[in-house]
Amino acid sequence: MDPLAEPESARWEPCGLVQMEAMRLGTLPIVAPTGGLKDTVEDGVNGLWTEKEMTVEAVIEEESVSAISQALRRAAKLFTEEPAKVVKMKQAAMAAAAEFTWSNAALQYEAIFQ
């Protein structure tokens, strides 16, 4: 095994903590609409989605590049043309992120098991 190789989980992980950490600090995440990313980020409410899910292949696909490019243009337009909406989105992101706690997760698991 190559110690410098990218771990499989880095390419295949559909969710993580990064978007939640960003939201907690009032940064609007731009994510692909997949898995837990789609569950934690609401498009146009507390972050932005790309138009499609990203590929997991090692080869760069034009469709993925285009989707990211479109999302970045959308974010730039939102920032320059609708600053009041951006403020509301940041507030929504911070409020949503306040719910992402280990205590809340434990309570949800407890409810499921009961």
C-alpha atoms as a PDB file:
ATOM      1  CA  MET A   1       0.000   0.000   0.000  1.00  0.00           C
ATOM      2  CA  ASP A   2       1.295   3.417  -0.945  1.00  0.00           C
ATOM      3  CA  PRO A   3       1.444   5.580   2.212  1.00  0.00           C
ATOM      4  CA  LEU A   4       0.967   8.683   0.071  1.00  0.00           C
ATOM      5  CA  ALA A   5      -2.136   7.348  -1.676  1.00  0.00           C
ATOM      6  CA  GLU A   6      -5.389   9.093  -1.014  1.00  0.00           C
ATOM      7  CA  PRO A   7      -7.491   7.190   1.527  1.00  0.00           C
ATOM      8  CA  GLU A   8     -10.625   5.645   0.031  1.00  0.00           C
ATOM      9  CA  SER A   9     -12.819   7.409   2.586  1.00  0.00           C
ATOM     10  CA  ALA A  10     -11.630  10.804   1.312  1.00  0.00           C
ATOM     11  CA  ARG A  11     -12.980  10.017  -2.160  1.00  0.00           C
ATOM     12  CA  TRP A  12     -16.125   8.181  -1.118  1.00  0.00           C
ATOM     13  CA  GLU A  13     -17.280   9.909   2.068  1.00  0.00           C
ATOM     14  CA  PRO A  14     -20.696  11.459   1.329  1.00  0.00           C
ATOM     15  CA  CYS A  15     -20.646  13.683   4.409  1.00  0.00           C
ATOM     16  CA  GLY A  16     -18.326  14.959   7.028  1.00  0.00           C
ATOM     17  CA  LEU A  17     -17.850  17.694   9.541  1.00  0.00           C
ATOM     18  CA  VAL A  18     -16.351  20.405   7.331  1.00  0.00           C
ATOM     19  CA  GLN A  19     -19.637  21.884   6.117  1.00  0.00           C
ATOM     20  CA  MET A  20     -20.988  21.879   9.686  1.00  0.00           C
ATOM     21  CA  GLU A  21     -17.867  23.614  10.999  1.00  0.00           C
ATOM     22  CA  ALA A  22     -18.121  26.210   8.220  1.00  0.00           C
ATOM     23  CA  MET A  23     -21.790  26.822   8.957  1.00  0.00           C
ATOM     24  CA  ARG A  24     -21.094  27.232  12.670  1.00  0.00           C
ATOM     25  CA  LEU A  25     -18.694  30.070  11.789  1.00  0.00           C
ATOM     26  CA  GLY A  26     -21.138  31.710   9.370  1.00  0.00           C
ATOM     27  CA  THR A  27     -19.461  30.535   6.194  1.00  0.00           C
ATOM     28  CA  LEU A  28     -21.844  29.352   3.500  1.00  0.00           C
ATOM     29  CA  PRO A  29     -20.776  25.945   2.206  1.00  0.00           C
ATOM     30  CA  ILE A  30     -21.013  24.980  -1.445  1.00  0.00           C
ATOM     31  CA  VAL A  31     -21.646  21.236  -1.588  1.00  0.00           C
ATOM     32  CA  ALA A  32     -22.657  18.499  -3.976  1.00  0.00           C
ATOM     33  CA  PRO A  33     -26.234  17.361  -3.270  1.00  0.00           C
ATOM     34  CA  THR A  34     -25.421  13.928  -1.936  1.00  0.00           C
ATOM     35  CA  GLY A  35     -25.699  11.997   1.315  1.00  0.00           C
ATOM     36  CA  GLY A  36     -25.252  13.923   4.527  1.00  0.00           C
ATOM     37  CA  LEU A  37     -24.185  17.054   2.652  1.00  0.00           C
ATOM     38  CA  LYS A  38     -27.683  17.300   1.216  1.00  0.00           C
ATOM     39  CA  ASP A  39     -29.125  16.552   4.662  1.00  0.00           C
ATOM     40  CA  THR A  40     -27.228  19.349   6.407  1.00  0.00           C
ATOM     41  CA  VAL A  41     -27.082  22.091   3.754  1.00  0.00           C
ATOM     42  CA  GLU A  42     -30.298  23.516   2.310  1.00  0.00           C
ATOM     43  CA  ASP A  43     -29.789  25.055  -1.114  1.00  0.00           C
ATOM     44  CA  GLY A  44     -30.367  28.798  -1.006  1.00  0.00           C
ATOM     45  CA  VAL A  45     -31.182  28.716   2.729  1.00  0.00           C
ATOM     46  CA  ASN A  46     -27.915  28.025   4.580  1.00  0.00           C
ATOM     47  CA  GLY A  47     -25.571  27.188   1.716  1.00  0.00           C
ATOM     48  CA  LEU A  48     -25.492  26.268  -1.955  1.00  0.00           C
ATOM     49  CA  TRP A  49     -25.601  23.009  -3.892  1.00  0.00           C
ATOM     50  CA  THR A  50     -23.904  22.236  -7.148  1.00  0.00           C
ATOM     51  CA  GLU A  51     -26.239  21.309  -9.999  1.00  0.00           C
ATOM     52  CA  LYS A  52     -25.272  17.636  -9.778  1.00  0.00           C
ATOM     53  CA  GLU A  53     -23.402  15.143  -7.682  1.00  0.00           C
ATOM     54  CA  MET A  54     -19.670  14.966  -8.281  1.00  0.00           C
ATOM     55  CA  THR A  55     -18.033  11.964  -9.825  1.00  0.00           C
ATOM     56  CA  VAL A  56     -15.844   9.743  -7.671  1.00  0.00           C
ATOM     57  CA  GLU A  57     -13.487   8.832 -10.462  1.00  0.00           C
ATOM     58  CA  ALA A  58      -9.834   9.782 -10.419  1.00  0.00           C
ATOM     59  CA  VAL A  59     -10.245  11.413 -13.838  1.00  0.00           C
ATOM     60  CA  ILE A  60     -11.510  14.982 -13.871  1.00  0.00           C
ATOM     61  CA  GLU A  61     -14.871  15.105 -15.633  1.00  0.00           C
ATOM     62  CA  GLU A  62     -16.008  18.196 -17.483  1.00  0.00           C
ATOM     63  CA  GLU A  63     -19.521  17.862 -15.992  1.00  0.00           C
ATOM     64  CA  SER A  64     -18.138  18.075 -12.446  1.00  0.00           C
ATOM     65  CA  VAL A  65     -15.923  21.039 -13.327  1.00  0.00           C
ATOM     66  CA  SER A  66     -18.905  22.775 -14.933  1.00  0.00           C
ATOM     67  CA  ALA A  67     -21.148  22.130 -11.902  1.00  0.00           C
ATOM     68  CA  ILE A  68     -18.565  23.580  -9.513  1.00  0.00           C
ATOM     69  CA  SER A  69     -17.991  26.560 -11.812  1.00  0.00           C
ATOM     70  CA  GLN A  70     -21.731  27.281 -11.983  1.00  0.00           C
ATOM     71  CA  ALA A  71     -22.060  27.066  -8.193  1.00  0.00           C
ATOM     72  CA  LEU A  72     -19.166  29.482  -7.708  1.00  0.00           C
ATOM     73  CA  ARG A  73     -20.689  31.943 -10.192  1.00  0.00           C
ATOM     74  CA  ARG A  74     -24.012  31.638  -8.383  1.00  0.00           C
ATOM     75  CA  ALA A  75     -22.299  32.343  -5.044  1.00  0.00           C
ATOM     76  CA  ALA A  76     -20.469  35.377  -6.449  1.00  0.00           C
ATOM     77  CA  LYS A  77     -23.684  36.756  -7.940  1.00  0.00           C
ATOM     78  CA  LEU A  78     -25.542  36.218  -4.669  1.00  0.00           C
ATOM     79  CA  PHE A  79     -22.760  37.950  -2.710  1.00  0.00           C
ATOM     80  CA  THR A  80     -22.634  40.988  -4.976  1.00  0.00           C
ATOM     81  CA  GLU A  81     -26.319  41.377  -5.861  1.00  0.00           C
ATOM     82  CA  GLU A  82     -28.144  40.179  -2.736  1.00  0.00           C
ATOM     83  CA  PRO A  83     -26.028  40.985   0.335  1.00  0.00           C
ATOM     84  CA  ALA A  84     -29.090  41.043   2.629  1.00  0.00           C
ATOM     85  CA  LYS A  85     -29.954  37.498   1.567  1.00  0.00           C
ATOM     86  CA  VAL A  86     -26.379  36.424   2.242  1.00  0.00           C
ATOM     87  CA  VAL A  87     -26.652  37.786   5.788  1.00  0.00           C
ATOM     88  CA  LYS A  88     -29.887  35.814   6.327  1.00  0.00           C
ATOM     89  CA  MET A  89     -28.290  32.682   4.882  1.00  0.00           C
ATOM     90  CA  LYS A  90     -25.300  33.057   7.212  1.00  0.00           C
ATOM     91  CA  GLN A  91     -27.627  33.431  10.181  1.00  0.00           C
ATOM     92  CA  ALA A  92     -29.568  30.345   9.060  1.00  0.00           C
ATOM     93  CA  ALA A  93     -26.319  28.426   8.667  1.00  0.00           C
ATOM     94  CA  MET A  94     -25.191  29.294  12.190  1.00  0.00           C
ATOM     95  CA  ALA A  95     -28.615  28.411  13.620  1.00  0.00           C
ATOM     96  CA  ALA A  96     -28.673  25.062  11.800  1.00  0.00           C
ATOM     97  CA  ALA A  97     -25.124  24.275  12.890  1.00  0.00           C
ATOM     98  CA  ALA A  98     -26.046  24.882  16.513  1.00  0.00           C
ATOM     99  CA  GLU A  99     -28.186  21.744  16.206  1.00  0.00           C
ATOM    100  CA  PHE A 100     -25.208  19.637  15.081  1.00  0.00           C
ATOM    101  CA  THR A 101     -24.057  18.540  18.519  1.00  0.00           C
ATOM    102  CA  TRP A 102     -23.091  15.163  19.930  1.00  0.00           C
ATOM    103  CA  SER A 103     -25.819  15.606  22.542  1.00  0.00           C
ATOM    104  CA  ASN A 104     -28.484  16.005  19.860  1.00  0.00           C
ATOM    105  CA  ALA A 105     -27.118  13.031  17.939  1.00  0.00           C
ATOM    106  CA  ALA A 106     -27.212  10.899  21.096  1.00  0.00           C
ATOM    107  CA  LEU A 107     -30.808  11.952  21.793  1.00  0.00           C
ATOM    108  CA  GLN A 108     -31.822  11.022  18.249  1.00  0.00           C
ATOM    109  CA  TYR A 109     -30.188   7.601  18.546  1.00  0.00           C
ATOM    110  CA  GLU A 110     -31.824   7.090  21.926  1.00  0.00           C
ATOM    111  CA  ALA A 111     -35.232   7.885  20.430  1.00  0.00           C
ATOM    112  CA  ILE A 112     -34.656   5.378  17.640  1.00  0.00           C
ATOM    113  CA  PHE A 113     -33.669   2.608  20.030  1.00  0.00           C
ATOM    114  CA  GLN A 114     -36.649   3.231  22.295  1.00  0.00           C
END
